[in-house]
């Protein structure tokens, strides 16, 4: 299993990197890959716990919109401007459940754990170098 404390510490440091000091930016760059892998690992573990995954898909819906005006002249000579309506496409993202292969998903989880474990020592060394290069 991945040493959670190290990963959580890295994630916490990465959160601080959003503030933007040079040290925080350096740490953010140094931990970007691990944070991406950790996000994938969390999603994979959630899929295994649920027994299915969520898939995003786009749905196009049409909505009525004002596209300009139409000028009408009444029989008495009065000129009226009325809105002209048209239908415009509007995309929305929705989610649906999709089946997973638990064996494949577990294999993916194990691969992510191994990759995070392999990258953690280098990331910790990079964080130490960032703290030396950019003391606060």
C-alpha atoms as a PDB file:
ATOM      1  CA  UNK A   1       0.000   0.000   0.000  1.00  0.00           C
ATOM      2  CA  UNK A   2       1.127   3.592  -0.601  1.00  0.00           C
ATOM      3  CA  UNK A   3       2.402   5.384   2.480  1.00  0.00           C
ATOM      4  CA  UNK A   4      -0.647   7.606   2.915  1.00  0.00           C
ATOM      5  CA  UNK A   5       1.122  10.082   5.167  1.00  0.00           C
ATOM      6  CA  UNK A   6       3.678  10.965   2.490  1.00  0.00           C
ATOM      7  CA  UNK A   7       1.052  11.287  -0.212  1.00  0.00           C
ATOM      8  CA  UNK A   8      -1.204  13.367   2.024  1.00  0.00           C
ATOM      9  CA  UNK A   9       1.710  15.550   3.015  1.00  0.00           C
ATOM     10  CA  UNK A  10       2.579  16.048  -0.645  1.00  0.00           C
ATOM     11  CA  UNK A  11      -1.032  16.867  -1.433  1.00  0.00           C
ATOM     12  CA  UNK A  12      -1.138  19.356   1.431  1.00  0.00           C
ATOM     13  CA  UNK A  13       2.006  21.033   0.198  1.00  0.00           C
ATOM     14  CA  UNK A  14       0.586  21.143  -3.291  1.00  0.00           C
ATOM     15  CA  UNK A  15      -2.532  22.840  -1.953  1.00  0.00           C
ATOM     16  CA  UNK A  16      -0.340  25.536  -0.463  1.00  0.00           C
ATOM     17  CA  UNK A  17       1.322  25.930  -3.838  1.00  0.00           C
ATOM     18  CA  UNK A  18      -1.836  27.533  -5.141  1.00  0.00           C
ATOM     19  CA  UNK A  19      -0.912  30.614  -3.084  1.00  0.00           C
ATOM     20  CA  UNK A  20       2.028  31.215  -5.372  1.00  0.00           C
ATOM     21  CA  UNK A  21       5.261  31.909  -3.506  1.00  0.00           C
ATOM     22  CA  UNK A  22       8.325  30.710  -5.436  1.00  0.00           C
ATOM     23  CA  UNK A  23       8.797  27.832  -2.972  1.00  0.00           C
ATOM     24  CA  UNK A  24       5.154  26.812  -3.286  1.00  0.00           C
ATOM     25  CA  UNK A  25       5.311  26.961  -7.071  1.00  0.00           C
ATOM     26  CA  UNK A  26       8.436  24.799  -7.050  1.00  0.00           C
ATOM     27  CA  UNK A  27       6.760  22.260  -4.764  1.00  0.00           C
ATOM     28  CA  UNK A  28       3.661  22.314  -6.964  1.00  0.00           C
ATOM     29  CA  UNK A  29       5.731  21.478 -10.041  1.00  0.00           C
ATOM     30  CA  UNK A  30       7.563  18.743  -8.126  1.00  0.00           C
ATOM     31  CA  UNK A  31       4.384  17.005  -6.981  1.00  0.00           C
ATOM     32  CA  UNK A  32       2.124  17.503 -10.018  1.00  0.00           C
ATOM     33  CA  UNK A  33       2.583  13.952 -11.342  1.00  0.00           C
ATOM     34  CA  UNK A  34       1.950  12.308  -7.974  1.00  0.00           C
ATOM     35  CA  UNK A  35      -1.180  14.401  -7.428  1.00  0.00           C
ATOM     36  CA  UNK A  36      -2.508  13.374 -10.843  1.00  0.00           C
ATOM     37  CA  UNK A  37      -1.805   9.713 -10.084  1.00  0.00           C
ATOM     38  CA  UNK A  38      -3.393  10.040  -6.632  1.00  0.00           C
ATOM     39  CA  UNK A  39      -6.550  11.481  -8.196  1.00  0.00           C
ATOM     40  CA  UNK A  40      -6.714   8.501 -10.579  1.00  0.00           C
ATOM     41  CA  UNK A  41      -6.096   6.120  -7.677  1.00  0.00           C
ATOM     42  CA  UNK A  42      -8.915   7.672  -5.631  1.00  0.00           C
ATOM     43  CA  UNK A  43     -11.274   7.331  -8.598  1.00  0.00           C
ATOM     44  CA  UNK A  44     -10.237   3.711  -9.175  1.00  0.00           C
ATOM     45  CA  UNK A  45     -10.726   2.811  -5.515  1.00  0.00           C
ATOM     46  CA  UNK A  46     -14.155   4.469  -5.542  1.00  0.00           C
ATOM     47  CA  UNK A  47     -15.085   2.462  -8.661  1.00  0.00           C
ATOM     48  CA  UNK A  48     -14.061  -0.763  -6.940  1.00  0.00           C
ATOM     49  CA  UNK A  49     -16.027   0.146  -3.811  1.00  0.00           C
ATOM     50  CA  UNK A  50     -19.168   0.987  -5.847  1.00  0.00           C
ATOM     51  CA  UNK A  51     -18.822  -1.790  -8.385  1.00  0.00           C
ATOM     52  CA  UNK A  52     -19.233   0.567 -11.325  1.00  0.00           C
ATOM     53  CA  UNK A  53     -17.709   3.723 -12.785  1.00  0.00           C
ATOM     54  CA  UNK A  54     -19.226   7.028 -13.857  1.00  0.00           C
ATOM     55  CA  UNK A  55     -18.944   8.101 -17.479  1.00  0.00           C
ATOM     56  CA  UNK A  56     -19.472  11.662 -18.691  1.00  0.00           C
ATOM     57  CA  UNK A  57     -21.374  12.212 -21.918  1.00  0.00           C
ATOM     58  CA  UNK A  58     -22.728  15.226 -23.770  1.00  0.00           C
ATOM     59  CA  UNK A  59     -26.414  15.821 -24.366  1.00  0.00           C
ATOM     60  CA  UNK A  60     -27.520  18.440 -26.901  1.00  0.00           C
ATOM     61  CA  UNK A  61     -30.705  20.235 -25.981  1.00  0.00           C
ATOM     62  CA  UNK A  62     -32.388  22.954 -27.976  1.00  0.00           C
ATOM     63  CA  UNK A  63     -33.460  26.172 -26.353  1.00  0.00           C
ATOM     64  CA  UNK A  64     -35.518  29.029 -27.659  1.00  0.00           C
ATOM     65  CA  UNK A  65     -33.652  32.298 -27.921  1.00  0.00           C
ATOM     66  CA  UNK A  66     -34.256  35.784 -29.292  1.00  0.00           C
ATOM     67  CA  UNK A  67     -32.303  36.125 -32.539  1.00  0.00           C
ATOM     68  CA  UNK A  68     -33.289  39.655 -33.518  1.00  0.00           C
ATOM     69  CA  UNK A  69     -36.458  41.505 -34.348  1.00  0.00           C
ATOM     70  CA  UNK A  70     -39.085  41.485 -37.054  1.00  0.00           C
ATOM     71  CA  UNK A  71     -40.617  44.743 -38.222  1.00  0.00           C
ATOM     72  CA  UNK A  72     -44.338  44.544 -38.956  1.00  0.00           C
ATOM     73  CA  UNK A  73     -46.497  47.258 -40.488  1.00  0.00           C
ATOM     74  CA  UNK A  74     -50.114  47.262 -39.313  1.00  0.00           C
ATOM     75  CA  UNK A  75     -52.989  48.037 -41.712  1.00  0.00           C
ATOM     76  CA  UNK A  76     -53.318  51.466 -40.072  1.00  0.00           C
ATOM     77  CA  UNK A  77     -49.622  52.210 -40.847  1.00  0.00           C
ATOM     78  CA  UNK A  78     -48.309  51.595 -37.325  1.00  0.00           C
ATOM     79  CA  UNK A  79     -44.870  49.959 -37.320  1.00  0.00           C
ATOM     80  CA  UNK A  80     -44.275  47.300 -34.666  1.00  0.00           C
ATOM     81  CA  UNK A  81     -41.030  45.529 -33.835  1.00  0.00           C
ATOM     82  CA  UNK A  82     -41.415  42.053 -32.438  1.00  0.00           C
ATOM     83  CA  UNK A  83     -38.736  39.677 -31.240  1.00  0.00           C
ATOM     84  CA  UNK A  84     -37.724  36.940 -33.658  1.00  0.00           C
ATOM     85  CA  UNK A  85     -37.131  33.592 -32.000  1.00  0.00           C
ATOM     86  CA  UNK A  86     -34.898  30.754 -33.094  1.00  0.00           C
ATOM     87  CA  UNK A  87     -33.751  27.464 -31.647  1.00  0.00           C
ATOM     88  CA  UNK A  88     -30.110  27.143 -30.592  1.00  0.00           C
ATOM     89  CA  UNK A  89     -28.262  24.014 -29.510  1.00  0.00           C
ATOM     90  CA  UNK A  90     -27.030  23.880 -25.942  1.00  0.00           C
ATOM     91  CA  UNK A  91     -24.735  21.101 -24.678  1.00  0.00           C
ATOM     92  CA  UNK A  92     -24.886  19.733 -21.165  1.00  0.00           C
ATOM     93  CA  UNK A  93     -22.661  17.129 -19.561  1.00  0.00           C
ATOM     94  CA  UNK A  94     -24.422  14.299 -17.807  1.00  0.00           C
ATOM     95  CA  UNK A  95     -23.183  11.115 -16.147  1.00  0.00           C
ATOM     96  CA  UNK A  96     -24.194   7.506 -16.417  1.00  0.00           C
ATOM     97  CA  UNK A  97     -23.084   4.339 -14.671  1.00  0.00           C
ATOM     98  CA  UNK A  98     -20.894   1.948 -16.625  1.00  0.00           C
ATOM     99  CA  UNK A  99     -19.856  -1.550 -15.730  1.00  0.00           C
ATOM    100  CA  UNK A 100     -16.267  -2.229 -14.712  1.00  0.00           C
ATOM    101  CA  UNK A 101     -14.132  -5.322 -14.760  1.00  0.00           C
ATOM    102  CA  UNK A 102     -13.123  -5.653 -11.083  1.00  0.00           C
ATOM    103  CA  UNK A 103      -9.990  -7.643 -11.934  1.00  0.00           C
ATOM    104  CA  UNK A 104      -8.825  -5.052 -14.445  1.00  0.00           C
ATOM    105  CA  UNK A 105      -9.716  -2.206 -12.083  1.00  0.00           C
ATOM    106  CA  UNK A 106      -7.779  -3.857  -9.240  1.00  0.00           C
ATOM    107  CA  UNK A 107      -4.799  -4.295 -11.562  1.00  0.00           C
ATOM    108  CA  UNK A 108      -5.026  -0.607 -12.473  1.00  0.00           C
ATOM    109  CA  UNK A 109      -5.176   0.311  -8.764  1.00  0.00           C
ATOM    110  CA  UNK A 110      -2.113  -1.798  -8.007  1.00  0.00           C
ATOM    111  CA  UNK A 111      -0.211  -0.200 -10.889  1.00  0.00           C
ATOM    112  CA  UNK A 112      -1.092   3.293  -9.687  1.00  0.00           C
ATOM    113  CA  UNK A 113      -0.008   2.449  -6.139  1.00  0.00           C
ATOM    114  CA  UNK A 114       3.319   1.121  -7.415  1.00  0.00           C
ATOM    115  CA  UNK A 115       3.904   4.183  -9.590  1.00  0.00           C
ATOM    116  CA  UNK A 116       3.122   6.581  -6.719  1.00  0.00           C
ATOM    117  CA  UNK A 117       5.418   4.605  -4.445  1.00  0.00           C
ATOM    118  CA  UNK A 118       8.203   4.782  -7.032  1.00  0.00           C
ATOM    119  CA  UNK A 119       7.818   8.541  -7.581  1.00  0.00           C
ATOM    120  CA  UNK A 120       7.458   9.552  -3.916  1.00  0.00           C
ATOM    121  CA  UNK A 121      11.183   9.478  -2.926  1.00  0.00           C
ATOM    122  CA  UNK A 122      12.147  11.708  -5.867  1.00  0.00           C
ATOM    123  CA  UNK A 123       9.269  14.077  -5.137  1.00  0.00           C
ATOM    124  CA  UNK A 124      10.323  14.308  -1.490  1.00  0.00           C
ATOM    125  CA  UNK A 125      13.905  15.065  -2.595  1.00  0.00           C
ATOM    126  CA  UNK A 126      12.586  17.725  -4.976  1.00  0.00           C
ATOM    127  CA  UNK A 127      10.524  19.276  -2.183  1.00  0.00           C
ATOM    128  CA  UNK A 128      13.633  19.430   0.020  1.00  0.00           C
ATOM    129  CA  UNK A 129      15.534  21.076  -2.844  1.00  0.00           C
ATOM    130  CA  UNK A 130      12.716  23.596  -3.303  1.00  0.00           C
ATOM    131  CA  UNK A 131      12.880  24.496   0.385  1.00  0.00           C
ATOM    132  CA  UNK A 132      16.621  25.060   0.105  1.00  0.00           C
ATOM    133  CA  UNK A 133      16.396  27.014  -3.148  1.00  0.00           C
ATOM    134  CA  UNK A 134      13.475  29.161  -1.975  1.00  0.00           C
ATOM    135  CA  UNK A 135      13.614  29.564   1.828  1.00  0.00           C
ATOM    136  CA  UNK A 136      10.655  31.323   3.367  1.00  0.00           C
END
